[in-house]
Every structure is written in C-alpha cells, then in structure tokens.
Amino acid sequence: MVDALLPVVTLVLGFVASFLLELFRNRWTTRSTQDVRDAERRQAAHLERVAYEREGLRAVHAAMHDLLGRVNAIALPQAKAEAAGMDWRESEAGQELRAAAMHANVRCSHESALLLHPPLIEAVGRLTTAAYPMYWTRESGSDPSHRRDFFEANQVASRAIATRLRELYGEADG
C-alpha cells in the first residue's frame, strides 16, 4: 500500500510545487514588467520636462536678445536728440523705438513666466526691471548706472540660462 501511495503523493507534491513555482514566476514577471514600464514612463516624463524647459529657455534667450537689440537701437537717436537739445522720446522715431523696447521687455517678462527654475525667473525679472529706465526716461542709456545695471542683469540672466542648460543635461558646473 505504501508502494502505491508513494507515486501518488510524489505526483501531488510535484503538481503543487509546479503550481507554486508558476505562481511566483508570474508575480515576478508581472512585477518586473511593471517596474520596466514605470521606469519608461518616468524617463519619458523627464525627457518631456527637459524639452519643455529647453524650449522655454530658448524663448527667453530670444526675448532677451530682442530686448538687448531694442534698447541698443535707442542710443543713436538719443545721441542725435541730445546734441540738438531735444528729448529723443518726442520724435516719431523715438516713439517707435520706445514702443518696440517696451514690447520686447513685456515679451521677455511673459516668456520668463513660463520658466520652471526660480533663480532664472529672478534673473530675468532683474533684467526686465533694469530695462525699464533704459527706454522710459529721457536719460535712458546715457546714465552710466542705468547702463551698468542693465548690462549686468543681462549677463546674469544669460549665465543663469547657461547654468540651467548644463543642469538639464547633467553636465558639471565649469
């Protein structure tokens, strides 16, 4: 009788062991597949964020470049007006230049509102604040302190963009 039960017990134990091994293998495979999918989703989300930030940085840099160009465009009409003893803002060209600089400043401010990095937002905010007297006052760019503040703010904002790009791409500061 023991000889007859031994093969049956061995068969039942084999089925139970096989069932349990298959159950654990399925759980392990499911967990591994889920971990891989989660990692892929995190990677895709990271790449989307980097692309979004990179595009925002590009837009802010273009807006800063436009602002710098618009502010610099004021220098010649201002010098001519000062030589004639007039206010550059009152001429037709002065009004257009002033409006263009103001528009570029607003664009720079709007583009910075979409950024995700607080130090960069602060740097661009400093630039737009320093740009205001460059196109709004009679002295504008002829006042050395205004010019210094504006161009220093532009350098700080440009460096902040470069630093953030290095951070996004995992490069060490250098």
Protein backbone atom coordinates (compact mmCIF):
# COMPACT_ATOMS: atom_id res chain seq x y z
CA MET A 1 0.00 0.00 0.00
CA VAL A 2 2.85 2.41 0.82
CA ASP A 3 4.34 1.50 -2.52
CA ALA A 4 1.10 2.55 -4.22
CA LEU A 5 0.72 5.83 -2.29
CA LEU A 6 4.29 6.99 -2.76
CA PRO A 7 3.92 7.70 -6.51
CA VAL A 8 0.55 9.42 -5.91
CA VAL A 9 1.98 11.62 -3.13
CA THR A 10 5.02 12.42 -5.27
CA LEU A 11 2.73 13.33 -8.16
CA VAL A 12 0.57 15.60 -5.96
CA LEU A 13 3.64 17.27 -4.44
CA GLY A 14 5.04 17.79 -7.95
CA PHE A 15 1.81 19.44 -9.11
CA VAL A 16 1.65 21.66 -6.01
CA ALA A 17 5.32 22.65 -6.35
CA SER A 18 4.90 23.29 -10.06
CA PHE A 19 1.77 25.40 -9.39
CA LEU A 20 3.54 27.45 -6.71
CA LEU A 21 6.62 27.98 -8.88
CA GLU A 22 4.44 29.09 -11.79
CA LEU A 23 2.52 31.46 -9.48
CA PHE A 24 5.74 33.05 -8.17
CA ARG A 25 7.20 33.27 -11.68
CA ASN A 26 4.06 35.08 -12.90
CA ARG A 27 4.18 37.51 -9.98
CA TRP A 28 7.88 38.16 -10.53
CA THR A 29 7.35 38.65 -14.28
CA THR A 30 4.40 40.99 -13.68
CA ARG A 31 6.36 42.99 -11.11
CA SER A 32 9.41 43.20 -13.40
CA THR A 33 7.28 44.27 -16.36
CA GLN A 34 5.54 46.89 -14.22
CA ASP A 35 8.90 48.21 -12.97
CA VAL A 36 10.19 48.49 -16.54
CA ARG A 37 7.01 50.33 -17.62
CA ASP A 38 7.24 52.68 -14.64
CA ALA A 39 10.88 53.42 -15.45
CA GLU A 40 9.97 54.09 -19.09
CA ARG A 41 7.17 56.46 -18.01
CA ARG A 42 9.49 58.31 -15.64
CA GLN A 43 12.11 58.61 -18.38
CA ALA A 44 9.52 59.87 -20.89
CA ALA A 45 8.20 62.39 -18.35
CA HIS A 46 11.75 63.56 -17.63
CA LEU A 47 12.50 63.96 -21.34
CA GLU A 48 9.26 65.92 -21.84
CA ARG A 49 10.15 68.20 -18.95
CA VAL A 50 13.66 68.75 -20.29
CA ALA A 51 12.25 69.52 -23.76
CA TYR A 52 9.70 71.93 -22.26
CA GLU A 53 12.35 73.71 -20.20
CA ARG A 54 14.78 73.80 -23.12
CA GLU A 55 12.12 75.38 -25.34
CA GLY A 56 11.30 77.89 -22.59
CA LEU A 57 14.97 78.74 -22.19
CA ARG A 58 15.30 79.21 -25.94
CA ALA A 59 12.27 81.52 -25.99
CA VAL A 60 13.57 83.58 -23.04
CA HIS A 61 17.00 83.83 -24.64
CA ALA A 62 15.46 85.05 -27.91
CA ALA A 63 13.33 87.58 -25.98
CA MET A 64 16.41 88.79 -24.09
CA HIS A 65 18.32 89.17 -27.34
CA ASP A 66 15.43 91.16 -28.82
CA LEU A 67 15.27 93.37 -25.72
CA LEU A 68 19.01 94.00 -25.87
CA GLY A 69 18.75 94.93 -29.55
CA ARG A 70 15.79 97.25 -28.97
CA VAL A 71 17.50 99.03 -26.08
CA ASN A 72 20.72 99.42 -28.06
CA ALA A 73 18.73 100.84 -31.01
CA ILE A 74 17.80 103.82 -28.85
CA ALA A 75 21.41 105.00 -28.46
CA LEU A 76 21.81 106.70 -31.85
CA PRO A 77 18.54 108.69 -31.87
CA GLN A 78 19.17 109.62 -28.26
CA ALA A 79 22.66 110.95 -29.05
CA LYS A 80 21.31 112.96 -32.00
CA ALA A 81 18.49 114.39 -29.89
CA GLU A 82 20.83 115.30 -27.04
CA ALA A 83 23.15 117.07 -29.46
CA ALA A 84 20.19 119.10 -30.72
CA GLY A 85 18.99 119.75 -27.14
CA MET A 86 15.77 117.76 -27.64
CA ASP A 87 14.12 114.82 -25.94
CA TRP A 88 14.58 111.69 -28.06
CA ARG A 89 11.23 110.29 -26.88
CA GLU A 90 9.28 113.11 -28.53
CA SER A 91 10.39 112.36 -32.09
CA GLU A 92 8.42 109.96 -34.28
CA ALA A 93 11.32 107.52 -34.41
CA GLY A 94 11.70 107.84 -30.64
CA GLN A 95 8.10 106.83 -30.06
CA GLU A 96 8.54 103.77 -32.27
CA LEU A 97 11.80 102.78 -30.60
CA ARG A 98 10.31 103.26 -27.17
CA ALA A 99 7.26 101.15 -28.06
CA ALA A 100 9.47 98.43 -29.55
CA ALA A 101 11.66 98.32 -26.43
CA MET A 102 8.62 98.25 -24.19
CA HIS A 103 7.12 95.41 -26.25
CA ALA A 104 10.41 93.47 -26.07
CA ASN A 105 10.54 93.99 -22.30
CA VAL A 106 6.99 92.72 -21.88
CA ARG A 107 7.74 89.71 -24.12
CA CYS A 108 10.80 88.91 -22.03
CA SER A 109 8.71 89.10 -18.88
CA HIS A 110 5.98 86.90 -20.34
CA GLU A 111 8.44 84.27 -21.54
CA SER A 112 10.04 84.15 -18.10
CA ALA A 113 6.65 83.48 -16.52
CA LEU A 114 6.65 80.05 -18.21
CA LEU A 115 10.00 79.03 -16.74
CA LEU A 116 10.29 76.39 -14.04
CA HIS A 117 13.56 77.41 -12.40
CA PRO A 118 13.23 80.13 -9.68
CA PRO A 119 16.81 81.52 -9.90
CA LEU A 120 16.35 82.01 -13.64
CA ILE A 121 12.97 83.66 -13.15
CA GLU A 122 14.59 86.08 -10.68
CA ALA A 123 17.46 86.84 -13.07
CA VAL A 124 15.10 87.63 -15.95
CA GLY A 125 12.95 89.70 -13.58
CA ARG A 126 16.01 91.71 -12.65
CA LEU A 127 16.75 92.24 -16.35
CA THR A 128 13.24 93.46 -17.18
CA THR A 129 13.34 95.79 -14.16
CA ALA A 130 16.72 97.17 -15.23
CA ALA A 131 15.47 97.59 -18.82
CA TYR A 132 12.63 99.95 -17.88
CA PRO A 133 14.74 103.09 -17.29
CA MET A 134 16.72 102.30 -20.46
CA TYR A 135 13.77 103.19 -22.67
CA TRP A 136 11.40 105.16 -20.48
CA THR A 137 13.47 108.05 -19.14
CA ARG A 138 14.98 110.97 -21.01
CA GLU A 139 18.49 109.96 -19.97
CA SER A 140 17.82 106.33 -20.84
CA GLY A 141 21.03 104.61 -21.79
CA SER A 142 23.21 107.67 -21.26
CA ASP A 143 23.11 107.30 -17.47
CA PRO A 144 26.09 105.07 -16.58
CA SER A 145 24.35 103.50 -13.59
CA HIS A 146 21.31 102.51 -15.71
CA ARG A 147 23.56 101.07 -18.41
CA ARG A 148 25.68 99.17 -15.89
CA ASP A 149 22.60 97.73 -14.14
CA PHE A 150 21.01 96.72 -17.44
CA PHE A 151 24.07 95.04 -18.95
CA GLU A 152 24.98 93.33 -15.66
CA ALA A 153 21.43 92.00 -15.41
CA ASN A 154 21.68 90.75 -18.99
CA GLN A 155 24.92 88.91 -18.19
CA VAL A 156 23.45 87.37 -15.05
CA ALA A 157 20.36 86.17 -16.92
CA SER A 158 22.49 84.73 -19.75
CA ARG A 159 24.67 82.90 -17.24
CA ALA A 160 21.57 81.59 -15.47
CA ILE A 161 20.30 80.17 -18.77
CA ALA A 162 23.65 78.50 -19.45
CA THR A 163 23.78 77.07 -15.93
CA ARG A 164 20.25 75.69 -16.19
CA LEU A 165 21.04 74.07 -19.55
CA ARG A 166 24.10 72.40 -18.01
CA GLU A 167 21.92 71.14 -15.15
CA LEU A 168 19.29 69.80 -17.54
CA TYR A 169 21.87 67.83 -19.48
CA GLY A 170 23.71 66.64 -16.39
CA GLU A 171 26.98 68.42 -17.06
CA ALA A 172 29.08 69.58 -14.13
CA ASP A 173 29.47 73.26 -13.44
CA GLY A 174 32.59 74.58 -15.00
